[in-house]
Amino acid sequence: MPPASVGTRPTALEWRVEDALVDYPAAVQAMDARAAAIRAGTAPELVWLLEHSPLYTAGTSADDAELLDAGGLPVHRSGRGGRLTYHGPGQRIGYALLDLKQRNPDVRWYVAQLEAWLIETLALFNVKGERREGRIGVWVVGQDGRERKIAALGVRVRQWVTLHGIAMNVDPDLSRFGGIIPCGVREFGVTSLVREGILVSMPEVDSALRASFMKVFGEEPSGL
């Protein structure tokens, strides 16, 4: 797997954190506009950390039969890869808008980098995140010996600029995952840092994400 330094990296990358909930359609619109600007060379790359108002999103591989009970929540079709998932307060979303043409034009490399970013972040809280063959995302084994998903990822790449990104469960309403078959995986449940006994604040998670991003992608983002 090529190192993160392949290619000529951009000279700046913006790091942005939202304090208030962000509606999903507004986030998608903002991502699309920023990605176009990155492609045009008029804006730097961006890592955008936020929380969404409660909803389900369906990726390009979603099966309608996997929506069991929306429970009154909106369901949005998304251009990202993957299937159905839940987003809501207590889940840290990390949208990464990066120029792979300058970094490394290899989508599989990029997905592996995102998984490494999540695993390194979890390690800072003494949580062992793991990959699983044939299952995108990051998994943990609880004290009961059961395997559960703690973080998901879904990406879209348009003219080598990435959109969407990662979702780490800090302390969301896990019951909402019962309304779907999360990411199409029936056999395993979903968990969070708090469910695993790790009581952390969102700012602490954000600090860990930033430190891990620097380790995995090899640079210090600018901005708050």
Protein backbone atom coordinates (compact mmCIF):
# COMPACT_ATOMS: atom_id res chain seq x y z
CA MET A 1 0.00 0.00 0.00
CA PRO A 2 1.56 3.37 -0.98
CA PRO A 3 2.43 5.83 1.80
CA ALA A 4 0.34 8.91 2.48
CA SER A 5 3.03 11.09 0.96
CA VAL A 6 2.49 9.84 -2.61
CA GLY A 7 1.99 12.76 -4.95
CA THR A 8 2.29 16.47 -4.22
CA ARG A 9 0.17 17.27 -1.21
CA PRO A 10 -1.74 20.55 -1.01
CA THR A 11 -0.11 23.28 1.04
CA ALA A 12 -3.16 23.78 3.27
CA LEU A 13 -6.03 21.76 4.64
CA GLU A 14 -8.85 23.37 6.59
CA TRP A 15 -10.20 21.76 9.78
CA ARG A 16 -13.72 22.85 10.70
CA VAL A 17 -15.89 21.86 13.69
CA GLU A 18 -19.60 22.67 13.94
CA ASP A 19 -21.15 23.28 17.36
CA ALA A 20 -24.79 23.04 16.24
CA LEU A 21 -26.59 20.19 14.49
CA VAL A 22 -26.39 20.38 10.69
CA ASP A 23 -29.25 19.23 8.47
CA TYR A 24 -28.15 16.57 6.03
CA PRO A 25 -29.34 18.20 2.78
CA ALA A 26 -27.55 21.43 3.70
CA ALA A 27 -24.35 19.49 4.43
CA VAL A 28 -24.50 17.68 1.09
CA GLN A 29 -25.03 20.96 -0.75
CA ALA A 30 -22.08 22.53 1.07
CA MET A 31 -19.88 19.50 0.33
CA ASP A 32 -20.73 19.60 -3.36
CA ALA A 33 -19.86 23.29 -3.58
CA ARG A 34 -16.60 22.86 -1.69
CA ALA A 35 -15.55 19.84 -3.75
CA ALA A 36 -16.09 21.85 -6.95
CA ALA A 37 -13.94 24.64 -5.53
CA ILE A 38 -11.19 22.18 -4.59
CA ARG A 39 -11.21 20.77 -8.12
CA ALA A 40 -11.01 24.30 -9.50
CA GLY A 41 -8.11 25.13 -7.21
CA THR A 42 -9.98 27.99 -5.51
CA ALA A 43 -10.34 26.42 -2.03
CA PRO A 44 -8.18 24.18 0.14
CA GLU A 45 -9.07 20.66 1.15
CA LEU A 46 -11.41 20.33 4.12
CA VAL A 47 -12.08 18.02 7.06
CA TRP A 48 -15.49 18.95 8.46
CA LEU A 49 -16.61 17.56 11.83
CA LEU A 50 -20.30 17.79 12.70
CA GLU A 51 -23.42 16.08 14.03
CA HIS A 52 -26.60 15.63 12.04
CA SER A 53 -30.21 15.98 13.03
CA PRO A 54 -31.68 12.42 13.30
CA LEU A 55 -32.20 10.66 9.96
CA TYR A 56 -31.42 7.59 7.92
CA THR A 57 -29.28 7.78 4.79
CA ALA A 58 -29.22 5.27 1.96
CA GLY A 59 -26.03 4.80 -0.04
CA THR A 60 -25.77 3.71 -3.64
CA SER A 61 -25.95 0.00 -2.67
CA ALA A 62 -28.96 0.37 -0.32
CA ASP A 63 -31.77 -2.18 -0.44
CA ASP A 64 -35.23 -0.83 0.44
CA ALA A 65 -35.98 -4.09 2.28
CA GLU A 66 -33.32 -3.17 4.83
CA LEU A 67 -35.42 -0.23 6.04
CA LEU A 68 -37.47 -1.95 8.73
CA ASP A 69 -39.16 0.99 10.49
CA ALA A 70 -38.17 4.60 9.91
CA GLY A 71 -40.04 5.62 13.05
CA GLY A 72 -40.96 8.98 11.56
CA LEU A 73 -37.38 9.90 10.67
CA PRO A 74 -36.55 11.17 7.18
CA VAL A 75 -34.71 8.87 4.79
CA HIS A 76 -32.31 10.55 2.38
CA ARG A 77 -30.79 9.00 -0.71
CA SER A 78 -27.08 9.68 -0.71
CA GLY A 79 -24.46 9.64 -3.41
CA ARG A 80 -21.97 7.94 -1.08
CA GLY A 81 -21.09 4.29 -1.34
CA GLY A 82 -22.61 1.79 1.08
CA ARG A 83 -26.08 0.93 2.28
CA LEU A 84 -28.42 2.18 5.02
CA THR A 85 -27.21 3.83 8.20
CA TYR A 86 -28.43 6.15 10.94
CA HIS A 87 -27.06 9.60 11.75
CA GLY A 88 -27.96 11.68 14.77
CA PRO A 89 -26.74 13.58 17.82
CA GLY A 90 -23.94 11.84 19.68
CA GLN A 91 -22.37 10.54 16.47
CA ARG A 92 -19.33 12.38 15.20
CA ILE A 93 -19.38 12.75 11.44
CA GLY A 94 -16.13 13.50 9.69
CA TYR A 95 -16.52 14.65 6.10
CA ALA A 96 -13.18 14.59 4.30
CA LEU A 97 -12.91 16.57 1.08
CA LEU A 98 -9.45 15.67 -0.19
CA ASP A 99 -7.76 15.84 -3.58
CA LEU A 100 -6.59 12.31 -4.35
CA LYS A 101 -5.02 13.44 -7.60
CA GLN A 102 -2.48 15.32 -5.48
CA ARG A 103 -2.27 12.69 -2.72
CA ASN A 104 -2.67 9.25 -4.29
CA PRO A 105 -5.28 8.45 -6.97
CA ASP A 106 -6.24 5.09 -5.49
CA VAL A 107 -9.70 4.68 -3.94
CA ARG A 108 -8.84 1.46 -2.10
CA TRP A 109 -5.83 3.15 -0.55
CA TYR A 110 -8.05 6.02 0.55
CA VAL A 111 -10.66 3.74 2.17
CA ALA A 112 -7.86 1.97 4.06
CA GLN A 113 -6.56 5.36 5.23
CA LEU A 114 -9.99 6.28 6.58
CA GLU A 115 -10.19 3.00 8.48
CA ALA A 116 -6.70 3.60 9.85
CA TRP A 117 -7.77 7.09 10.95
CA LEU A 118 -10.66 5.61 12.93
CA ILE A 119 -8.55 2.81 14.42
CA GLU A 120 -5.83 5.23 15.54
CA THR A 121 -8.46 7.50 17.09
CA LEU A 122 -10.04 4.65 19.05
CA ALA A 123 -6.60 3.56 20.25
CA LEU A 124 -6.17 6.93 21.98
CA PHE A 125 -9.09 5.87 24.21
CA ASN A 126 -7.63 2.39 24.73
CA VAL A 127 -10.24 0.86 22.44
CA LYS A 128 -9.06 -1.77 19.95
CA GLY A 129 -10.74 -1.07 16.65
CA GLU A 130 -10.39 -3.75 13.99
CA ARG A 131 -11.01 -4.31 10.31
CA ARG A 132 -13.00 -7.28 9.10
CA GLU A 133 -12.61 -8.97 5.72
CA GLY A 134 -15.57 -8.19 3.51
CA ARG A 135 -17.06 -5.64 5.95
CA ILE A 136 -16.28 -1.96 5.54
CA GLY A 137 -15.97 -0.02 8.78
CA VAL A 138 -14.38 -0.52 12.18
CA TRP A 139 -15.40 -3.16 14.71
CA VAL A 140 -14.80 -3.85 18.40
CA VAL A 141 -15.17 -6.94 20.55
CA GLY A 142 -17.01 -6.14 23.80
CA GLN A 143 -16.50 -7.62 27.23
CA ASP A 144 -19.24 -10.10 26.40
CA GLY A 145 -17.14 -11.38 23.50
CA ARG A 146 -19.57 -10.11 20.89
CA GLU A 147 -18.48 -8.18 17.86
CA ARG A 148 -20.14 -4.84 17.13
CA LYS A 149 -19.62 -1.98 14.71
CA ILE A 150 -18.46 1.27 16.29
CA ALA A 151 -17.66 3.34 13.20
CA ALA A 152 -18.80 3.39 9.60
CA LEU A 153 -17.54 4.98 6.44
CA GLY A 154 -18.99 5.80 3.07
CA VAL A 155 -17.26 7.75 0.34
CA ARG A 156 -17.81 9.25 -3.04
CA VAL A 157 -15.01 10.29 -5.36
CA ARG A 158 -15.74 12.76 -8.12
CA GLN A 159 -12.87 13.68 -10.46
CA TRP A 160 -10.52 12.49 -7.70
CA VAL A 161 -11.94 14.79 -5.02
CA THR A 162 -13.48 12.87 -2.13
CA LEU A 163 -16.84 13.53 -0.48
CA HIS A 164 -18.59 12.11 2.61
CA GLY A 165 -16.33 10.17 4.99
CA ILE A 166 -16.62 8.63 8.46
CA ALA A 167 -19.16 8.29 11.28
CA MET A 168 -17.98 7.37 14.79
CA ASN A 169 -20.52 6.45 17.46
CA VAL A 170 -19.69 8.41 20.60
CA ASP A 171 -23.06 8.34 22.39
CA PRO A 172 -25.92 8.28 19.85
CA ASP A 173 -29.35 6.74 20.39
CA LEU A 174 -28.38 3.18 19.45
CA SER A 175 -32.02 2.08 19.41
CA ARG A 176 -32.41 3.96 16.11
CA PHE A 177 -30.19 1.40 14.42
CA GLY A 178 -32.97 -1.08 15.11
CA GLY A 179 -35.04 0.59 12.41
CA ILE A 180 -32.69 -0.66 9.71
CA ILE A 181 -30.29 -3.45 8.91
CA PRO A 182 -27.20 -1.29 9.38
CA CYS A 183 -24.93 -1.39 6.34
CA GLY A 184 -26.69 -4.59 5.29
CA VAL A 185 -25.09 -6.65 8.08
CA ARG A 186 -27.62 -8.73 10.03
CA GLU A 187 -25.30 -10.83 12.16
CA PHE A 188 -23.66 -8.13 14.25
CA GLY A 189 -24.86 -5.22 16.36
CA VAL A 190 -23.82 -1.60 16.68
CA THR A 191 -22.07 -0.02 19.64
CA SER A 192 -20.60 3.29 20.82
CA LEU A 193 -17.75 4.53 22.95
CA VAL A 194 -20.10 5.17 25.86
CA ARG A 195 -21.68 1.71 25.55
CA GLU A 196 -18.19 0.25 25.75
CA GLY A 197 -17.60 2.17 28.99
CA ILE A 198 -15.54 5.01 27.51
CA LEU A 199 -17.04 8.23 28.85
CA VAL A 200 -15.68 10.97 26.64
CA SER A 201 -16.87 14.35 25.45
CA MET A 202 -17.20 15.30 21.80
CA PRO A 203 -14.34 17.84 22.08
CA GLU A 204 -12.11 15.04 23.36
CA VAL A 205 -13.09 12.91 20.38
CA ASP A 206 -12.39 15.83 18.06
CA SER A 207 -8.91 16.28 19.52
CA ALA A 208 -8.22 12.59 19.06
CA LEU A 209 -9.47 12.69 15.46
CA ARG A 210 -7.18 15.59 14.70
CA ALA A 211 -4.11 13.95 16.24
CA SER A 212 -4.84 10.70 14.42
CA PHE A 213 -5.42 12.46 11.12
CA MET A 214 -1.97 14.00 11.41
CA LYS A 215 -0.46 10.56 12.10
CA VAL A 216 -2.25 8.74 9.26
CA PHE A 217 -2.24 11.43 6.58
CA GLY A 218 1.04 13.00 7.64
CA GLU A 219 0.10 16.62 8.15
CA GLU A 220 -1.28 19.11 10.64
CA PRO A 221 -4.58 20.66 9.50
CA SER A 222 -5.10 24.39 9.91
CA GLY A 223 -8.13 26.01 11.53
CA LEU A 224 -10.03 25.26 14.73
